[in-house]
Protein backbone atom coordinates (compact mmCIF):
# COMPACT_ATOMS: atom_id res chain seq x y z
CA UNK A 1 0.19 -0.04 0.21
CA UNK A 2 1.02 3.57 -0.88
CA UNK A 3 -0.20 6.52 0.53
CA UNK A 4 0.69 9.75 -1.90
CA UNK A 5 -0.04 13.42 -1.03
CA UNK A 6 0.55 16.34 -3.48
CA UNK A 7 1.43 20.23 -2.87
CA UNK A 8 3.24 22.98 -3.95
CA UNK A 9 -0.37 23.93 -5.79
CA UNK A 10 -1.26 27.51 -6.22
CA UNK A 11 -2.40 30.44 -8.59
CA UNK A 12 -0.25 31.65 -11.37
CA UNK A 13 0.07 34.23 -14.18
CA UNK A 14 0.62 32.96 -17.57
CA UNK A 15 4.51 32.21 -18.25
CA UNK A 16 5.44 31.67 -14.73
CA UNK A 17 6.73 28.39 -13.22
CA UNK A 18 5.76 26.70 -10.54
CA UNK A 19 6.79 23.12 -8.55
CA UNK A 20 4.62 20.27 -7.49
CA UNK A 21 5.34 17.85 -5.04
CA UNK A 22 4.31 14.49 -4.32
CA UNK A 23 5.31 12.53 -1.16
CA UNK A 24 4.91 8.72 -0.47
CA UNK A 25 4.65 6.68 1.98
CA UNK A 26 6.13 3.61 2.05
CA UNK A 27 9.38 1.43 2.94
CA UNK A 28 9.42 0.44 -0.82
CA UNK A 29 9.23 3.51 -2.86
CA UNK A 30 11.55 2.20 -5.59
CA UNK A 31 9.55 -0.09 -7.02
CA UNK A 32 7.15 2.09 -8.42
CA UNK A 33 7.34 3.89 -11.60
CA UNK A 34 5.61 7.78 -10.59
CA UNK A 35 3.21 9.57 -12.85
CA UNK A 36 1.37 12.89 -12.83
CA UNK A 37 -1.95 13.04 -14.13
CA UNK A 38 -4.51 16.29 -14.26
CA UNK A 39 -7.94 16.82 -14.71
CA UNK A 40 -9.15 20.37 -15.84
CA UNK A 41 -12.26 21.88 -15.48
CA UNK A 42 -15.34 19.78 -16.91
CA UNK A 43 -12.90 17.63 -18.44
CA UNK A 44 -11.60 13.83 -18.10
CA UNK A 45 -8.56 13.09 -16.49
CA UNK A 46 -5.20 13.27 -18.70
CA UNK A 47 -1.78 11.91 -18.30
CA UNK A 48 1.02 14.50 -17.98
CA UNK A 49 4.31 12.63 -16.86
CA UNK A 50 5.93 9.48 -15.95
CA UNK A 51 8.92 8.81 -14.39
CA UNK A 52 10.91 5.09 -14.09
CA UNK A 53 11.94 3.71 -10.93
CA UNK A 54 15.21 4.77 -10.79
CA UNK A 55 14.48 8.01 -13.02
CA UNK A 56 16.47 7.08 -16.06
CA UNK A 57 13.70 7.06 -18.10
CA UNK A 58 10.83 10.17 -18.61
CA UNK A 59 7.75 10.13 -20.71
CA UNK A 60 5.82 13.31 -21.53
CA UNK A 61 1.98 13.95 -22.83
CA UNK A 62 2.46 16.17 -25.93
CA UNK A 63 0.48 18.96 -24.38
CA UNK A 64 3.61 19.99 -21.76
CA UNK A 65 6.61 18.44 -24.03
CA UNK A 66 9.25 21.06 -23.60
CA UNK A 67 7.70 23.01 -20.75
CA UNK A 68 7.08 20.25 -17.62
CA UNK A 69 9.58 18.48 -16.06
CA UNK A 70 9.09 15.25 -14.15
CA UNK A 71 12.09 14.40 -11.14
CA UNK A 72 12.34 11.88 -7.77
CA UNK A 73 14.14 11.72 -5.05
CA UNK A 74 14.10 8.00 -3.59
CA UNK A 75 15.83 8.80 -0.69
CA UNK A 76 12.93 11.39 0.39
CA UNK A 77 10.01 9.11 -1.59
CA UNK A 78 9.19 12.24 -3.41
CA UNK A 79 8.59 12.96 -7.09
CA UNK A 80 7.94 16.52 -8.33
CA UNK A 81 6.96 17.86 -11.51
CA UNK A 82 8.47 21.61 -12.80
CA UNK A 83 5.58 23.38 -14.50
CA UNK A 84 7.07 26.04 -17.03
CA UNK A 85 5.78 28.78 -19.62
CA UNK A 86 2.66 27.83 -17.73
CA UNK A 87 -0.81 28.36 -19.76
CA UNK A 88 -4.37 29.24 -18.61
CA UNK A 89 -5.16 25.82 -20.37
CA UNK A 90 -2.68 24.05 -17.42
CA UNK A 91 -5.34 25.09 -14.90
CA UNK A 92 -6.82 21.46 -13.43
CA UNK A 93 -6.32 19.35 -10.50
CA UNK A 94 -2.82 17.59 -10.35
CA UNK A 95 -2.64 13.99 -9.22
CA UNK A 96 0.61 12.06 -8.59
CA UNK A 97 0.23 8.07 -8.95
CA UNK A 98 2.25 5.21 -8.45
CA UNK A 99 2.78 2.07 -10.94
CA UNK A 100 3.64 -1.26 -10.10
CA UNK A 101 3.91 -2.97 -13.05
CA UNK A 102 7.16 -2.62 -14.07
CA UNK A 103 5.97 -1.93 -17.91
CA UNK A 104 7.29 0.84 -20.16
CA UNK A 105 6.35 4.04 -19.09
CA UNK A 106 4.36 4.88 -22.16
CA UNK A 107 2.29 1.77 -22.17
CA UNK A 108 1.13 2.23 -18.56
CA UNK A 109 -0.44 5.88 -18.57
CA UNK A 110 -4.05 3.89 -17.71
CA UNK A 111 -3.04 1.28 -15.34
CA UNK A 112 -1.40 2.82 -11.86
CA UNK A 113 -2.35 1.56 -9.01
CA UNK A 114 -2.52 4.20 -6.26
CA UNK A 115 -3.51 7.69 -6.23
CA UNK A 116 -3.17 11.12 -4.52
CA UNK A 117 -6.11 13.44 -3.08
CA UNK A 118 -4.53 16.24 -5.83
CA UNK A 119 -3.71 19.64 -5.84
CA UNK A 120 -5.29 22.46 -7.73
CA UNK A 121 -2.96 24.58 -9.99
CA UNK A 122 -4.63 27.64 -11.70
CA UNK A 123 -3.15 29.77 -13.83
CA UNK A 124 -4.60 32.86 -15.04
CA UNK A 125 -3.71 34.86 -18.39
């Protein structure tokens, strides 16, 4: 069982940067690939980014590629999402999630096992 808690959300203006954090409970954090998802208002959840167990591989959704960076620190049981050049369309509730499948990141965007409660990001124009 993995418990995930997001933090770092808030208000930003277009063009700003924001860093989200997700901390995990448990003793087997490095057994999981980690991902970030988001749910814009009135829309369904979409994939944002993922990182492999030891950070060697990353995978990004098309809408954020080149602007967002995912990273992790296994010693701190934490995963981060650095968001740059924010746009109003980035407004959403952002969730971190854990995947224990061990499959390639591009194949597991719908197969995550554990989810946090989310943190709100609002970007104004």
